[in-house]
């Protein structure tokens, strides 16, 4: 029963890939609603969001997870500060801003939960071995 609650490393990679695919598409849909945002602010937002996505991906792939987590935290803090600034608040409707924040928060939370979940290595069933005194078939050269 315990093995049903754990993932193998390949299952974990698949889960992360699925999360990234889904939330990447959802993030793209959110960006599609930002029609009245000035181009300069839009470009800045896309740069921040791409940095956040790269930070999320680094957590899954980096051998230096603490550094990757710190990088994501810094990007997240900068993004939150920028999203709460007056410039973005004027360019984004309250609903657009809240959906964008919710998408990012859920994505980060799910990614961190999956990364924190333990994995196991499945044990291959033992292969039967021939008894030591069994006749070996003749090998022809």
N, C-alpha and C. Protein backbone atom coordinates (compact mmCIF):
# COMPACT_ATOMS: atom_id res chain seq x y z
N UNK A 1 0.83 -1.20 0.00
CA UNK A 1 0.00 0.00 0.00
C UNK A 1 0.87 1.26 0.00
N UNK A 2 1.97 1.21 0.75
CA UNK A 2 2.85 2.38 0.84
C UNK A 2 3.39 2.77 -0.53
N UNK A 3 3.66 1.77 -1.38
CA UNK A 3 4.23 2.07 -2.70
C UNK A 3 3.24 2.83 -3.58
N UNK A 4 1.96 2.74 -3.28
CA UNK A 4 0.97 3.49 -4.06
C UNK A 4 1.05 4.99 -3.77
N UNK A 5 1.58 5.34 -2.61
CA UNK A 5 1.69 6.74 -2.23
C UNK A 5 3.02 7.36 -2.63
N UNK A 6 3.95 6.52 -3.06
CA UNK A 6 5.26 7.00 -3.47
C UNK A 6 5.36 6.96 -4.99
N UNK A 7 6.29 7.75 -5.51
CA UNK A 7 6.52 7.77 -6.94
C UNK A 7 7.94 7.29 -7.22
N UNK A 8 8.11 6.69 -8.39
CA UNK A 8 9.46 6.41 -8.84
C UNK A 8 10.05 7.71 -9.37
N UNK A 9 11.33 7.71 -9.63
CA UNK A 9 11.95 8.93 -10.16
C UNK A 9 11.37 9.30 -11.52
N UNK A 10 11.08 8.30 -12.35
CA UNK A 10 10.51 8.61 -13.66
C UNK A 10 9.07 9.11 -13.53
N UNK A 11 8.31 8.59 -12.58
CA UNK A 11 6.95 9.09 -12.35
C UNK A 11 6.99 10.54 -11.85
N UNK A 12 7.96 10.83 -10.99
CA UNK A 12 8.11 12.21 -10.49
C UNK A 12 8.45 13.15 -11.65
N UNK A 13 9.36 12.73 -12.53
CA UNK A 13 9.71 13.55 -13.69
C UNK A 13 8.49 13.78 -14.58
N UNK A 14 7.69 12.75 -14.76
CA UNK A 14 6.46 12.89 -15.55
C UNK A 14 5.47 13.84 -14.90
N UNK A 15 5.36 13.77 -13.59
CA UNK A 15 4.45 14.67 -12.87
C UNK A 15 4.90 16.12 -13.03
N UNK A 16 6.18 16.36 -12.87
CA UNK A 16 6.72 17.71 -13.03
C UNK A 16 6.51 18.20 -14.46
N UNK A 17 6.78 17.34 -15.45
CA UNK A 17 6.57 17.73 -16.85
C UNK A 17 5.11 18.07 -17.10
N UNK A 18 4.21 17.27 -16.54
CA UNK A 18 2.77 17.55 -16.71
C UNK A 18 2.36 18.86 -16.06
N UNK A 19 2.86 19.11 -14.85
CA UNK A 19 2.57 20.39 -14.19
C UNK A 19 3.09 21.56 -15.02
N UNK A 20 4.32 21.44 -15.50
CA UNK A 20 4.90 22.53 -16.28
C UNK A 20 4.13 22.76 -17.58
N UNK A 21 3.72 21.69 -18.22
CA UNK A 21 2.95 21.83 -19.46
C UNK A 21 1.61 22.51 -19.19
N UNK A 22 0.89 22.03 -18.18
CA UNK A 22 -0.42 22.59 -17.86
C UNK A 22 -0.32 24.05 -17.44
N UNK A 23 0.54 24.33 -16.48
CA UNK A 23 0.61 25.69 -15.96
C UNK A 23 1.26 26.65 -16.96
N UNK A 24 2.14 26.14 -17.81
CA UNK A 24 2.69 26.97 -18.88
C UNK A 24 1.59 27.42 -19.83
N UNK A 25 0.70 26.49 -20.18
CA UNK A 25 -0.43 26.83 -21.04
C UNK A 25 -1.37 27.80 -20.34
N UNK A 26 -1.62 27.56 -19.07
CA UNK A 26 -2.50 28.45 -18.31
C UNK A 26 -1.90 29.85 -18.18
N UNK A 27 -0.61 29.91 -17.99
CA UNK A 27 0.08 31.20 -17.92
C UNK A 27 -0.05 31.93 -19.25
N UNK A 28 0.10 31.20 -20.35
CA UNK A 28 -0.07 31.79 -21.68
C UNK A 28 -1.48 32.32 -21.87
N UNK A 29 -2.46 31.59 -21.39
CA UNK A 29 -3.85 32.06 -21.49
C UNK A 29 -4.04 33.33 -20.67
N UNK A 30 -3.42 33.38 -19.50
CA UNK A 30 -3.50 34.59 -18.68
C UNK A 30 -2.87 35.78 -19.39
N UNK A 31 -1.74 35.55 -20.05
CA UNK A 31 -1.08 36.65 -20.75
C UNK A 31 -1.92 37.13 -21.94
N UNK A 32 -2.71 36.25 -22.49
CA UNK A 32 -3.56 36.63 -23.62
C UNK A 32 -4.65 37.62 -23.25
N UNK A 33 -4.91 37.80 -21.97
CA UNK A 33 -5.97 38.73 -21.54
C UNK A 33 -5.43 40.12 -21.22
N UNK A 34 -4.14 40.32 -21.41
CA UNK A 34 -3.53 41.59 -21.00
C UNK A 34 -3.47 42.58 -22.15
N UNK A 35 -4.55 42.75 -22.85
CA UNK A 35 -4.59 43.59 -24.04
C UNK A 35 -4.35 45.07 -23.81
N UNK A 36 -4.69 45.58 -22.65
CA UNK A 36 -4.54 47.02 -22.45
C UNK A 36 -3.24 47.40 -21.75
N UNK A 37 -2.38 46.41 -21.50
CA UNK A 37 -1.10 46.69 -20.86
C UNK A 37 -0.15 47.27 -21.89
N UNK A 38 0.53 48.38 -21.55
CA UNK A 38 1.51 48.95 -22.48
C UNK A 38 2.61 47.94 -22.82
N UNK A 39 3.13 48.02 -24.04
CA UNK A 39 4.09 47.05 -24.53
C UNK A 39 5.32 46.92 -23.62
N UNK A 40 5.86 48.02 -23.14
CA UNK A 40 7.03 47.96 -22.26
C UNK A 40 6.75 47.19 -20.98
N UNK A 41 5.60 47.42 -20.36
CA UNK A 41 5.22 46.68 -19.16
C UNK A 41 5.00 45.21 -19.48
N UNK A 42 4.40 44.93 -20.63
CA UNK A 42 4.15 43.55 -21.05
C UNK A 42 5.48 42.80 -21.22
N UNK A 43 6.44 43.42 -21.89
CA UNK A 43 7.75 42.79 -22.10
C UNK A 43 8.41 42.54 -20.75
N UNK A 44 8.36 43.51 -19.85
CA UNK A 44 8.94 43.35 -18.52
C UNK A 44 8.27 42.20 -17.78
N UNK A 45 6.96 42.10 -17.87
CA UNK A 45 6.22 41.03 -17.20
C UNK A 45 6.61 39.67 -17.78
N UNK A 46 6.73 39.58 -19.10
CA UNK A 46 7.13 38.32 -19.74
C UNK A 46 8.53 37.91 -19.28
N UNK A 47 9.43 38.87 -19.13
CA UNK A 47 10.78 38.57 -18.65
C UNK A 47 10.73 38.04 -17.22
N UNK A 48 9.97 38.68 -16.36
CA UNK A 48 9.81 38.21 -14.98
C UNK A 48 9.21 36.81 -14.96
N UNK A 49 8.18 36.58 -15.74
CA UNK A 49 7.51 35.28 -15.74
C UNK A 49 8.41 34.19 -16.30
N UNK A 50 9.18 34.51 -17.33
CA UNK A 50 10.10 33.51 -17.87
C UNK A 50 11.18 33.17 -16.84
N UNK A 51 11.64 34.15 -16.10
CA UNK A 51 12.62 33.89 -15.04
C UNK A 51 12.00 33.00 -13.96
N UNK A 52 10.74 33.24 -13.62
CA UNK A 52 10.06 32.41 -12.62
C UNK A 52 9.92 30.97 -13.12
N UNK A 53 9.58 30.80 -14.38
CA UNK A 53 9.44 29.45 -14.94
C UNK A 53 10.79 28.73 -14.96
N UNK A 54 11.84 29.43 -15.34
CA UNK A 54 13.17 28.84 -15.32
C UNK A 54 13.55 28.47 -13.88
N UNK A 55 13.25 29.34 -12.93
CA UNK A 55 13.52 29.03 -11.53
C UNK A 55 12.79 27.79 -11.05
N UNK A 56 11.54 27.65 -11.46
CA UNK A 56 10.78 26.45 -11.11
C UNK A 56 11.42 25.20 -11.70
N UNK A 57 11.83 25.31 -12.94
CA UNK A 57 12.44 24.15 -13.62
C UNK A 57 13.78 23.80 -12.99
N UNK A 58 14.53 24.81 -12.54
CA UNK A 58 15.81 24.55 -11.90
C UNK A 58 15.66 23.73 -10.63
N UNK A 59 14.59 23.95 -9.90
CA UNK A 59 14.37 23.20 -8.67
C UNK A 59 14.27 21.71 -8.98
N UNK A 60 13.67 21.38 -10.12
CA UNK A 60 13.51 19.98 -10.49
C UNK A 60 14.77 19.35 -11.06
N UNK A 61 15.66 20.15 -11.59
CA UNK A 61 16.80 19.58 -12.32
C UNK A 61 18.16 19.86 -11.69
N UNK A 62 18.27 20.84 -10.84
CA UNK A 62 19.57 21.25 -10.32
C UNK A 62 20.07 20.31 -9.23
N UNK A 63 21.35 20.09 -9.22
CA UNK A 63 21.97 19.36 -8.12
C UNK A 63 22.13 20.28 -6.90
N UNK A 64 22.09 21.58 -7.15
CA UNK A 64 22.23 22.56 -6.06
C UNK A 64 20.84 23.14 -5.76
N UNK A 65 20.02 22.33 -5.13
CA UNK A 65 18.61 22.70 -4.91
C UNK A 65 18.44 23.92 -4.03
N UNK A 66 19.30 24.08 -3.04
CA UNK A 66 19.18 25.24 -2.17
C UNK A 66 19.41 26.53 -2.96
N UNK A 67 20.39 26.52 -3.84
CA UNK A 67 20.63 27.68 -4.69
C UNK A 67 19.45 27.91 -5.63
N UNK A 68 18.91 26.84 -6.20
CA UNK A 68 17.75 26.98 -7.09
C UNK A 68 16.54 27.52 -6.33
N UNK A 69 16.32 27.04 -5.11
CA UNK A 69 15.21 27.52 -4.30
C UNK A 69 15.40 28.99 -3.93
N UNK A 70 16.62 29.39 -3.59
CA UNK A 70 16.90 30.79 -3.28
C UNK A 70 16.69 31.67 -4.51
N UNK A 71 17.09 31.18 -5.68
CA UNK A 71 16.88 31.93 -6.92
C UNK A 71 15.41 32.13 -7.18
N UNK A 72 14.63 31.05 -7.04
CA UNK A 72 13.18 31.16 -7.24
C UNK A 72 12.55 32.12 -6.23
N UNK A 73 13.01 32.07 -4.99
CA UNK A 73 12.47 32.97 -3.97
C UNK A 73 12.76 34.43 -4.32
N UNK A 74 13.98 34.72 -4.77
CA UNK A 74 14.32 36.10 -5.15
C UNK A 74 13.49 36.57 -6.34
N UNK A 75 13.33 35.69 -7.33
CA UNK A 75 12.51 36.04 -8.49
C UNK A 75 11.07 36.27 -8.05
N UNK A 76 10.57 35.39 -7.18
CA UNK A 76 9.20 35.53 -6.69
C UNK A 76 8.99 36.83 -5.93
N UNK A 77 9.93 37.18 -5.08
CA UNK A 77 9.81 38.44 -4.31
C UNK A 77 9.83 39.63 -5.26
N UNK A 78 10.75 39.62 -6.23
CA UNK A 78 10.81 40.73 -7.19
C UNK A 78 9.51 40.82 -7.99
N UNK A 79 8.98 39.68 -8.39
CA UNK A 79 7.74 39.67 -9.17
C UNK A 79 6.56 40.18 -8.35
N UNK A 80 6.46 39.72 -7.12
CA UNK A 80 5.36 40.19 -6.25
C UNK A 80 5.46 41.69 -6.03
N UNK A 81 6.67 42.17 -5.76
CA UNK A 81 6.85 43.61 -5.56
C UNK A 81 6.47 44.39 -6.81
N UNK A 82 6.87 43.87 -7.97
CA UNK A 82 6.57 44.57 -9.23
C UNK A 82 5.09 44.51 -9.56
N UNK A 83 4.46 43.34 -9.32
CA UNK A 83 3.02 43.23 -9.60
C UNK A 83 2.19 44.13 -8.69
N UNK A 84 2.68 44.38 -7.50
CA UNK A 84 1.93 45.22 -6.58
C UNK A 84 2.22 46.71 -6.76
N UNK A 85 3.13 47.03 -7.68
CA UNK A 85 3.45 48.44 -7.90
C UNK A 85 2.31 49.13 -8.63
N UNK A 86 2.31 50.41 -8.60
CA UNK A 86 1.26 51.20 -9.22
C UNK A 86 1.17 51.03 -10.73
N UNK A 87 2.31 50.85 -11.41
CA UNK A 87 2.30 50.72 -12.87
C UNK A 87 1.47 49.53 -13.32
N UNK A 88 1.73 48.38 -12.73
CA UNK A 88 0.99 47.18 -13.14
C UNK A 88 -0.45 47.23 -12.67
N UNK A 89 -0.66 47.78 -11.51
CA UNK A 89 -2.03 47.87 -10.99
C UNK A 89 -2.92 48.68 -11.92
N UNK A 90 -2.36 49.69 -12.57
CA UNK A 90 -3.14 50.49 -13.51
C UNK A 90 -3.34 49.75 -14.83
N UNK A 91 -2.36 48.97 -15.25
CA UNK A 91 -2.42 48.30 -16.55
C UNK A 91 -3.20 46.99 -16.50
N UNK A 92 -3.29 46.38 -15.34
CA UNK A 92 -4.00 45.11 -15.20
C UNK A 92 -5.31 45.31 -14.46
N UNK A 93 -6.34 44.63 -14.91
CA UNK A 93 -7.56 44.65 -14.12
C UNK A 93 -7.31 43.83 -12.86
N UNK A 94 -8.10 44.06 -11.85
CA UNK A 94 -7.94 43.33 -10.59
C UNK A 94 -8.07 41.83 -10.84
N UNK A 95 -9.03 41.43 -11.67
CA UNK A 95 -9.23 40.01 -11.97
C UNK A 95 -8.04 39.40 -12.68
N UNK A 96 -7.48 40.12 -13.67
CA UNK A 96 -6.30 39.61 -14.39
C UNK A 96 -5.13 39.42 -13.45
N UNK A 97 -4.89 40.41 -12.61
CA UNK A 97 -3.78 40.35 -11.66
C UNK A 97 -3.97 39.19 -10.68
N UNK A 98 -5.16 39.03 -10.16
CA UNK A 98 -5.42 37.95 -9.21
C UNK A 98 -5.29 36.57 -9.86
N UNK A 99 -5.76 36.42 -11.10
CA UNK A 99 -5.62 35.14 -11.80
C UNK A 99 -4.14 34.82 -12.07
N UNK A 100 -3.39 35.82 -12.44
CA UNK A 100 -1.96 35.63 -12.69
C UNK A 100 -1.25 35.22 -11.40
N UNK A 101 -1.53 35.90 -10.33
CA UNK A 101 -0.93 35.56 -9.03
C UNK A 101 -1.34 34.17 -8.57
N UNK A 102 -2.62 33.84 -8.73
CA UNK A 102 -3.10 32.52 -8.31
C UNK A 102 -2.44 31.42 -9.14
N UNK A 103 -2.32 31.63 -10.44
CA UNK A 103 -1.68 30.64 -11.31
C UNK A 103 -0.26 30.38 -10.86
N UNK A 104 0.49 31.43 -10.64
CA UNK A 104 1.89 31.27 -10.21
C UNK A 104 1.99 30.63 -8.83
N UNK A 105 1.14 31.05 -7.90
CA UNK A 105 1.20 30.51 -6.54
C UNK A 105 0.87 29.01 -6.53
N UNK A 106 -0.15 28.60 -7.26
CA UNK A 106 -0.53 27.19 -7.30
C UNK A 106 0.57 26.37 -7.98
N UNK A 107 1.11 26.91 -9.06
CA UNK A 107 2.17 26.21 -9.78
C UNK A 107 3.38 25.98 -8.88
N UNK A 108 3.82 27.02 -8.19
CA UNK A 108 4.97 26.90 -7.29
C UNK A 108 4.65 25.91 -6.17
N UNK A 109 3.47 26.01 -5.58
CA UNK A 109 3.11 25.11 -4.48
C UNK A 109 3.10 23.65 -4.94
N UNK A 110 2.47 23.37 -6.08
CA UNK A 110 2.44 22.00 -6.59
C UNK A 110 3.84 21.49 -6.92
N UNK A 111 4.64 22.32 -7.56
CA UNK A 111 5.99 21.89 -7.93
C UNK A 111 6.82 21.58 -6.68
N UNK A 112 6.70 22.42 -5.66
CA UNK A 112 7.46 22.18 -4.43
C UNK A 112 6.95 20.94 -3.70
N UNK A 113 5.64 20.72 -3.71
CA UNK A 113 5.10 19.51 -3.08
C UNK A 113 5.60 18.25 -3.78
N UNK A 114 5.59 18.26 -5.10
CA UNK A 114 6.07 17.10 -5.84
C UNK A 114 7.56 16.88 -5.59
N UNK A 115 8.33 17.96 -5.57
CA UNK A 115 9.76 17.83 -5.33
C UNK A 115 10.06 17.35 -3.92
N UNK A 116 9.24 17.72 -2.95
CA UNK A 116 9.46 17.31 -1.56
C UNK A 116 9.00 15.87 -1.31
N UNK A 117 8.15 15.35 -2.18
CA UNK A 117 7.63 14.00 -1.99
C UNK A 117 8.74 12.97 -2.18
N UNK A 118 8.76 11.97 -1.32
CA UNK A 118 9.81 10.95 -1.45
C UNK A 118 9.58 10.06 -2.68
N UNK A 119 10.66 9.50 -3.16
CA UNK A 119 10.57 8.56 -4.27
C UNK A 119 11.17 7.23 -3.81
N UNK A 120 10.94 6.23 -4.61
CA UNK A 120 11.54 4.94 -4.32
C UNK A 120 12.04 4.33 -5.62
N UNK A 121 12.95 3.42 -5.47
CA UNK A 121 13.46 2.69 -6.62
C UNK A 121 12.83 1.30 -6.58
N UNK A 122 12.05 0.97 -7.62
CA UNK A 122 11.41 -0.34 -7.60
C UNK A 122 12.44 -1.46 -7.65
N UNK A 123 12.16 -2.51 -6.93
CA UNK A 123 13.06 -3.66 -6.90
C UNK A 123 12.62 -4.62 -7.99
N UNK A 124 13.54 -4.95 -8.86
CA UNK A 124 13.24 -5.88 -9.95
C UNK A 124 13.07 -7.28 -9.37
N UNK A 125 12.12 -8.05 -9.90
CA UNK A 125 11.98 -9.41 -9.39
C UNK A 125 13.24 -10.22 -9.67
N UNK A 126 13.55 -11.09 -8.76
CA UNK A 126 14.76 -11.90 -8.89
C UNK A 126 14.62 -12.84 -10.09
N UNK A 127 15.69 -12.95 -10.84
CA UNK A 127 15.71 -13.83 -11.99
C UNK A 127 16.13 -15.23 -11.52
N UNK A 128 15.42 -16.25 -11.96
CA UNK A 128 15.82 -17.60 -11.55
C UNK A 128 17.19 -17.93 -12.14
N UNK A 129 17.99 -18.57 -11.36
CA UNK A 129 19.31 -18.96 -11.82
C UNK A 129 19.35 -20.47 -11.97
N UNK A 130 20.16 -20.92 -12.89
CA UNK A 130 20.33 -22.36 -13.10
C UNK A 130 21.18 -22.92 -11.98
N UNK A 131 20.86 -24.12 -11.52
CA UNK A 131 21.71 -24.73 -10.48
C UNK A 131 23.12 -24.91 -11.01
N UNK A 132 24.12 -24.83 -10.14
CA UNK A 132 25.50 -24.88 -10.60
C UNK A 132 25.86 -26.19 -11.32
N UNK A 133 25.17 -27.30 -11.01
CA UNK A 133 25.53 -28.56 -11.65
C UNK A 133 24.70 -28.86 -12.89
N UNK A 134 23.87 -27.91 -13.32
CA UNK A 134 23.04 -28.13 -14.51
C UNK A 134 23.93 -28.17 -15.74
N UNK A 135 23.53 -28.99 -16.67
CA UNK A 135 24.31 -29.10 -17.90
C UNK A 135 24.19 -27.82 -18.71
N UNK A 136 25.31 -27.37 -19.19
CA UNK A 136 25.34 -26.19 -20.04
C UNK A 136 25.26 -26.65 -21.48
N UNK A 137 24.44 -25.98 -22.31
CA UNK A 137 24.38 -26.37 -23.70
C UNK A 137 25.72 -26.15 -24.37
N UNK A 138 26.02 -27.04 -25.32
CA UNK A 138 27.27 -26.91 -26.06
C UNK A 138 27.25 -25.65 -26.88
N UNK A 139 28.32 -24.92 -26.86
CA UNK A 139 28.45 -23.72 -27.70
C UNK A 139 29.30 -24.08 -28.89
N UNK A 140 28.82 -23.76 -30.03
CA UNK A 140 29.58 -24.03 -31.23
C UNK A 140 30.27 -22.77 -31.67
N UNK A 141 31.53 -22.92 -32.03
CA UNK A 141 32.33 -21.78 -32.43
C UNK A 141 32.07 -21.38 -33.83
